[in-house]
């Protein structure tokens, strides 16, 4: 996760490869209800940084990484597309849509996020993720249609040295605390 970028432009072909890869993430029932909005316009990136409260982040001594990143990729969820898919004949159970044990649209979005983060590295770039707490503001800034919800943004660019988050001082939990074999 990179939180400081150079202002060097990113090859548009690299971004096209990146989003083409991310769209092939797992999709429950092949619903394909995840949508990506690629933002390269400087003014719109600054607006997204404002929505993400970048000024507050900078006041705490961190770099202005959101506005500085030359590419933003907003990952959005269209939940209704999952319901529509699971109301098709091959997905009905007893003539009805399944009872969703978990909202798989969020899982699918997480897979897309991971492909974007790892794919950026494969392209020789760096990436970072930020969640947006002002979802309505981001939806408006991106002109999203009703029913499409932005759940986070991946910034992409060429890295500059950054100040690590103080959260990293916690270190990784020991493997035996997080991996369980056969049972808890």
C-alpha atoms as a PDB file:
ATOM      1  CA  UNK A   1       0.000   0.000   0.000  1.00  0.00           C
ATOM      2  CA  UNK A   2       1.647   3.166  -1.227  1.00  0.00           C
ATOM      3  CA  UNK A   3       0.632   6.564   0.074  1.00  0.00           C
ATOM      4  CA  UNK A   4       2.914   8.870  -1.862  1.00  0.00           C
ATOM      5  CA  UNK A   5       3.283   9.134  -5.613  1.00  0.00           C
ATOM      6  CA  UNK A   6       5.327  11.030  -8.127  1.00  0.00           C
ATOM      7  CA  UNK A   7       3.385  13.147 -10.567  1.00  0.00           C
ATOM      8  CA  UNK A   8       4.786  11.139 -13.507  1.00  0.00           C
ATOM      9  CA  UNK A   9       1.997  10.023 -15.821  1.00  0.00           C
ATOM     10  CA  UNK A  10       0.961   6.391 -15.984  1.00  0.00           C
ATOM     11  CA  UNK A  11       0.918   4.645 -19.343  1.00  0.00           C
ATOM     12  CA  UNK A  12      -2.762   4.440 -20.364  1.00  0.00           C
ATOM     13  CA  UNK A  13      -2.133   0.962 -21.824  1.00  0.00           C
ATOM     14  CA  UNK A  14      -1.023  -0.234 -18.374  1.00  0.00           C
ATOM     15  CA  UNK A  15      -4.272   1.033 -16.860  1.00  0.00           C
ATOM     16  CA  UNK A  16      -6.303  -0.697 -19.567  1.00  0.00           C
ATOM     17  CA  UNK A  17      -4.513  -3.974 -18.831  1.00  0.00           C
ATOM     18  CA  UNK A  18      -5.068  -3.435 -15.119  1.00  0.00           C
ATOM     19  CA  UNK A  19      -8.825  -2.893 -15.368  1.00  0.00           C
ATOM     20  CA  UNK A  20      -9.167  -5.713 -17.909  1.00  0.00           C
ATOM     21  CA  UNK A  21      -7.575  -8.054 -15.377  1.00  0.00           C
ATOM     22  CA  UNK A  22      -9.634  -6.746 -12.450  1.00  0.00           C
ATOM     23  CA  UNK A  23     -12.922  -7.283 -14.267  1.00  0.00           C
ATOM     24  CA  UNK A  24     -12.112 -11.002 -14.407  1.00  0.00           C
ATOM     25  CA  UNK A  25     -12.273 -11.313 -10.616  1.00  0.00           C
ATOM     26  CA  UNK A  26     -14.578 -13.975  -9.190  1.00  0.00           C
ATOM     27  CA  UNK A  27     -18.240 -13.068  -9.515  1.00  0.00           C
ATOM     28  CA  UNK A  28     -21.032 -14.855  -7.631  1.00  0.00           C
ATOM     29  CA  UNK A  29     -23.216 -16.529 -10.222  1.00  0.00           C
ATOM     30  CA  UNK A  30     -21.225 -14.612 -12.814  1.00  0.00           C
ATOM     31  CA  UNK A  31     -23.448 -11.668 -11.902  1.00  0.00           C
ATOM     32  CA  UNK A  32     -20.724  -9.165 -12.818  1.00  0.00           C
ATOM     33  CA  UNK A  33     -22.234  -6.461 -10.636  1.00  0.00           C
ATOM     34  CA  UNK A  34     -18.952  -4.715  -9.882  1.00  0.00           C
ATOM     35  CA  UNK A  35     -18.192  -1.568 -11.876  1.00  0.00           C
ATOM     36  CA  UNK A  36     -14.978   0.443 -12.147  1.00  0.00           C
ATOM     37  CA  UNK A  37     -14.654   4.179 -12.711  1.00  0.00           C
ATOM     38  CA  UNK A  38     -11.184   5.226 -13.874  1.00  0.00           C
ATOM     39  CA  UNK A  39     -10.362   8.840 -13.047  1.00  0.00           C
ATOM     40  CA  UNK A  40      -7.326  10.635 -14.451  1.00  0.00           C
ATOM     41  CA  UNK A  41      -8.637  14.211 -14.645  1.00  0.00           C
ATOM     42  CA  UNK A  42      -6.712  16.335 -12.142  1.00  0.00           C
ATOM     43  CA  UNK A  43      -9.721  18.379 -11.054  1.00  0.00           C
ATOM     44  CA  UNK A  44     -11.844  15.316 -10.410  1.00  0.00           C
ATOM     45  CA  UNK A  45      -8.965  13.667  -8.491  1.00  0.00           C
ATOM     46  CA  UNK A  46      -8.706  16.774  -6.304  1.00  0.00           C
ATOM     47  CA  UNK A  47     -12.456  16.593  -5.662  1.00  0.00           C
ATOM     48  CA  UNK A  48     -12.124  12.932  -4.661  1.00  0.00           C
ATOM     49  CA  UNK A  49      -9.253  13.879  -2.335  1.00  0.00           C
ATOM     50  CA  UNK A  50     -11.478  16.516  -0.740  1.00  0.00           C
ATOM     51  CA  UNK A  51     -14.270  13.953  -0.255  1.00  0.00           C
ATOM     52  CA  UNK A  52     -11.687  11.592   1.287  1.00  0.00           C
ATOM     53  CA  UNK A  53     -10.658  14.318   3.796  1.00  0.00           C
ATOM     54  CA  UNK A  54      -7.103  14.482   2.496  1.00  0.00           C
ATOM     55  CA  UNK A  55      -6.575  17.886   4.168  1.00  0.00           C
ATOM     56  CA  UNK A  56      -7.060  16.294   7.587  1.00  0.00           C
ATOM     57  CA  UNK A  57      -4.626  13.523   6.660  1.00  0.00           C
ATOM     58  CA  UNK A  58      -2.029  16.097   5.529  1.00  0.00           C
ATOM     59  CA  UNK A  59      -2.454  18.103   8.764  1.00  0.00           C
ATOM     60  CA  UNK A  60      -1.304  14.982  10.622  1.00  0.00           C
ATOM     61  CA  UNK A  61       1.975  15.139   8.672  1.00  0.00           C
ATOM     62  CA  UNK A  62       1.294  12.662   5.886  1.00  0.00           C
ATOM     63  CA  UNK A  63       1.757  13.213   2.158  1.00  0.00           C
ATOM     64  CA  UNK A  64      -1.142  14.314  -0.042  1.00  0.00           C
ATOM     65  CA  UNK A  65      -1.227  10.975  -1.782  1.00  0.00           C
ATOM     66  CA  UNK A  66      -4.842  10.897  -2.960  1.00  0.00           C
ATOM     67  CA  UNK A  67      -4.727  14.093  -5.017  1.00  0.00           C
ATOM     68  CA  UNK A  68      -1.174  13.350  -6.162  1.00  0.00           C
ATOM     69  CA  UNK A  69      -1.871   9.859  -7.544  1.00  0.00           C
ATOM     70  CA  UNK A  70      -2.273  10.195 -11.319  1.00  0.00           C
ATOM     71  CA  UNK A  71      -4.937   7.478 -11.499  1.00  0.00           C
ATOM     72  CA  UNK A  72      -7.907   6.657  -9.287  1.00  0.00           C
ATOM     73  CA  UNK A  73     -10.006   3.557  -9.830  1.00  0.00           C
ATOM     74  CA  UNK A  74     -13.274   3.623  -7.919  1.00  0.00           C
ATOM     75  CA  UNK A  75     -14.754   0.194  -7.264  1.00  0.00           C
ATOM     76  CA  UNK A  76     -18.534   0.269  -7.223  1.00  0.00           C
ATOM     77  CA  UNK A  77     -21.217  -2.292  -6.435  1.00  0.00           C
ATOM     78  CA  UNK A  78     -24.595  -2.678  -8.146  1.00  0.00           C
ATOM     79  CA  UNK A  79     -26.350  -4.984  -5.683  1.00  0.00           C
ATOM     80  CA  UNK A  80     -29.497  -5.188  -7.796  1.00  0.00           C
ATOM     81  CA  UNK A  81     -27.518  -6.870 -10.579  1.00  0.00           C
ATOM     82  CA  UNK A  82     -26.886  -9.763  -8.177  1.00  0.00           C
ATOM     83  CA  UNK A  83     -30.561 -10.021  -7.302  1.00  0.00           C
ATOM     84  CA  UNK A  84     -31.487  -9.877 -10.986  1.00  0.00           C
ATOM     85  CA  UNK A  85     -29.046 -12.680 -11.784  1.00  0.00           C
ATOM     86  CA  UNK A  86     -30.250 -14.845  -8.914  1.00  0.00           C
ATOM     87  CA  UNK A  87     -33.812 -14.461 -10.156  1.00  0.00           C
ATOM     88  CA  UNK A  88     -32.922 -16.126 -13.449  1.00  0.00           C
ATOM     89  CA  UNK A  89     -34.190 -19.664 -13.920  1.00  0.00           C
ATOM     90  CA  UNK A  90     -30.837 -21.419 -13.421  1.00  0.00           C
ATOM     91  CA  UNK A  91     -30.268 -19.716 -10.059  1.00  0.00           C
ATOM     92  CA  UNK A  92     -33.683 -20.029  -8.453  1.00  0.00           C
ATOM     93  CA  UNK A  93     -34.062 -22.365  -5.488  1.00  0.00           C
ATOM     94  CA  UNK A  94     -37.583 -23.648  -5.036  1.00  0.00           C
ATOM     95  CA  UNK A  95     -38.797 -20.987  -7.443  1.00  0.00           C
ATOM     96  CA  UNK A  96     -37.277 -18.140  -5.382  1.00  0.00           C
ATOM     97  CA  UNK A  97     -34.093 -16.145  -5.070  1.00  0.00           C
ATOM     98  CA  UNK A  98     -31.649 -17.652  -2.600  1.00  0.00           C
ATOM     99  CA  UNK A  99     -31.423 -16.456   0.968  1.00  0.00           C
ATOM    100  CA  UNK A 100     -28.067 -14.701   0.797  1.00  0.00           C
ATOM    101  CA  UNK A 101     -25.868 -16.164   3.581  1.00  0.00           C
ATOM    102  CA  UNK A 102     -23.481 -13.248   3.070  1.00  0.00           C
ATOM    103  CA  UNK A 103     -23.667 -10.333   0.600  1.00  0.00           C
ATOM    104  CA  UNK A 104     -21.436 -11.790  -2.115  1.00  0.00           C
ATOM    105  CA  UNK A 105     -21.279  -8.453  -3.949  1.00  0.00           C
ATOM    106  CA  UNK A 106     -18.955  -7.218  -1.168  1.00  0.00           C
ATOM    107  CA  UNK A 107     -16.790 -10.316  -1.504  1.00  0.00           C
ATOM    108  CA  UNK A 108     -16.587  -9.864  -5.256  1.00  0.00           C
ATOM    109  CA  UNK A 109     -15.594  -6.217  -4.749  1.00  0.00           C
ATOM    110  CA  UNK A 110     -12.816  -7.311  -2.374  1.00  0.00           C
ATOM    111  CA  UNK A 111     -11.497  -9.644  -5.067  1.00  0.00           C
ATOM    112  CA  UNK A 112     -11.486  -6.766  -7.553  1.00  0.00           C
ATOM    113  CA  UNK A 113      -9.598  -4.585  -5.069  1.00  0.00           C
ATOM    114  CA  UNK A 114      -6.936  -7.242  -4.586  1.00  0.00           C
ATOM    115  CA  UNK A 115      -6.502  -7.746  -8.334  1.00  0.00           C
ATOM    116  CA  UNK A 116      -6.076  -3.990  -8.776  1.00  0.00           C
ATOM    117  CA  UNK A 117      -3.468  -3.808  -6.007  1.00  0.00           C
ATOM    118  CA  UNK A 118      -1.493  -6.831  -7.223  1.00  0.00           C
ATOM    119  CA  UNK A 119      -1.974  -5.992 -10.893  1.00  0.00           C
ATOM    120  CA  UNK A 120      -0.458  -2.551 -10.363  1.00  0.00           C
ATOM    121  CA  UNK A 121       2.681  -4.212  -9.012  1.00  0.00           C
ATOM    122  CA  UNK A 122       2.764  -6.516 -12.055  1.00  0.00           C
ATOM    123  CA  UNK A 123       2.681  -3.381 -14.227  1.00  0.00           C
ATOM    124  CA  UNK A 124       5.683  -1.926 -12.379  1.00  0.00           C
ATOM    125  CA  UNK A 125       3.461   0.564 -10.583  1.00  0.00           C
ATOM    126  CA  UNK A 126       2.300   1.035  -7.020  1.00  0.00           C
ATOM    127  CA  UNK A 127      -1.170   1.259  -5.564  1.00  0.00           C
ATOM    128  CA  UNK A 128      -3.023   2.095  -2.389  1.00  0.00           C
ATOM    129  CA  UNK A 129      -6.599   1.707  -1.205  1.00  0.00           C
ATOM    130  CA  UNK A 130      -8.801   4.105   0.675  1.00  0.00           C
ATOM    131  CA  UNK A 131     -12.359   3.739   1.800  1.00  0.00           C
ATOM    132  CA  UNK A 132     -14.665   6.708   1.543  1.00  0.00           C
ATOM    133  CA  UNK A 133     -16.941   7.587   4.421  1.00  0.00           C
ATOM    134  CA  UNK A 134     -18.804  10.192   2.369  1.00  0.00           C
ATOM    135  CA  UNK A 135     -20.256   7.709  -0.104  1.00  0.00           C
ATOM    136  CA  UNK A 136     -22.968  10.024  -1.413  1.00  0.00           C
ATOM    137  CA  UNK A 137     -20.345  12.692  -2.154  1.00  0.00           C
ATOM    138  CA  UNK A 138     -18.178  10.265  -4.104  1.00  0.00           C
ATOM    139  CA  UNK A 139     -21.197   8.899  -5.991  1.00  0.00           C
ATOM    140  CA  UNK A 140     -22.107  12.458  -6.973  1.00  0.00           C
ATOM    141  CA  UNK A 141     -18.537  13.352  -8.003  1.00  0.00           C
ATOM    142  CA  UNK A 142     -18.453  10.276 -10.248  1.00  0.00           C
ATOM    143  CA  UNK A 143     -21.983  10.816 -11.643  1.00  0.00           C
ATOM    144  CA  UNK A 144     -22.977   7.298 -10.627  1.00  0.00           C
ATOM    145  CA  UNK A 145     -26.481   6.119 -11.453  1.00  0.00           C
ATOM    146  CA  UNK A 146     -28.922   5.289  -8.659  1.00  0.00           C
ATOM    147  CA  UNK A 147     -28.214   1.836  -7.277  1.00  0.00           C
ATOM    148  CA  UNK A 148     -24.469   1.914  -7.956  1.00  0.00           C
ATOM    149  CA  UNK A 149     -22.521   2.448  -4.740  1.00  0.00           C
ATOM    150  CA  UNK A 150     -18.801   3.322  -4.560  1.00  0.00           C
ATOM    151  CA  UNK A 151     -17.105   1.377  -1.801  1.00  0.00           C
ATOM    152  CA  UNK A 152     -13.520   2.501  -2.164  1.00  0.00           C
ATOM    153  CA  UNK A 153     -10.823   3.816  -4.438  1.00  0.00           C
ATOM    154  CA  UNK A 154      -7.499   2.374  -5.534  1.00  0.00           C
ATOM    155  CA  UNK A 155      -4.864   4.975  -6.321  1.00  0.00           C
ATOM    156  CA  UNK A 156      -2.253   4.027  -8.912  1.00  0.00           C
ATOM    157  CA  UNK A 157       1.035   5.637  -9.882  1.00  0.00           C
ATOM    158  CA  UNK A 158       4.795   5.627  -9.559  1.00  0.00           C
ATOM    159  CA  UNK A 159       5.880   5.560  -5.908  1.00  0.00           C
ATOM    160  CA  UNK A 160       7.751   8.199  -3.977  1.00  0.00           C
ATOM    161  CA  UNK A 161       9.159   7.586  -0.502  1.00  0.00           C
ATOM    162  CA  UNK A 162       6.391   7.861   2.067  1.00  0.00           C
ATOM    163  CA  UNK A 163       5.975   8.048   5.797  1.00  0.00           C
ATOM    164  CA  UNK A 164       4.761   4.677   7.078  1.00  0.00           C
ATOM    165  CA  UNK A 165       1.576   4.608   9.092  1.00  0.00           C
ATOM    166  CA  UNK A 166       2.055   4.354  12.846  1.00  0.00           C
ATOM    167  CA  UNK A 167      -0.327   1.368  12.680  1.00  0.00           C
ATOM    168  CA  UNK A 168       2.544  -0.677  11.260  1.00  0.00           C
ATOM    169  CA  UNK A 169       4.329  -0.471  14.606  1.00  0.00           C
ATOM    170  CA  UNK A 170       1.875  -3.123  15.810  1.00  0.00           C
ATOM    171  CA  UNK A 171       3.658  -5.656  13.630  1.00  0.00           C
ATOM    172  CA  UNK A 172       2.154  -8.793  12.186  1.00  0.00           C
ATOM    173  CA  UNK A 173       0.331 -11.081  14.569  1.00  0.00           C
ATOM    174  CA  UNK A 174       2.084 -14.434  14.920  1.00  0.00           C
ATOM    175  CA  UNK A 175       0.951 -16.963  12.338  1.00  0.00           C
ATOM    176  CA  UNK A 176      -0.295 -19.359  15.006  1.00  0.00           C
ATOM    177  CA  UNK A 177      -2.745 -16.678  16.212  1.00  0.00           C
ATOM    178  CA  UNK A 178      -4.442 -16.324  12.846  1.00  0.00           C
ATOM    179  CA  UNK A 179      -4.092 -19.713  11.143  1.00  0.00           C
ATOM    180  CA  UNK A 180      -5.977 -22.648  12.608  1.00  0.00           C
ATOM    181  CA  UNK A 181      -5.595 -26.232  11.418  1.00  0.00           C
ATOM    182  CA  UNK A 182      -8.499 -28.625  11.117  1.00  0.00           C
ATOM    183  CA  UNK A 183     -10.463 -26.700  13.765  1.00  0.00           C
ATOM    184  CA  UNK A 184     -10.144 -23.619  15.963  1.00  0.00           C
END
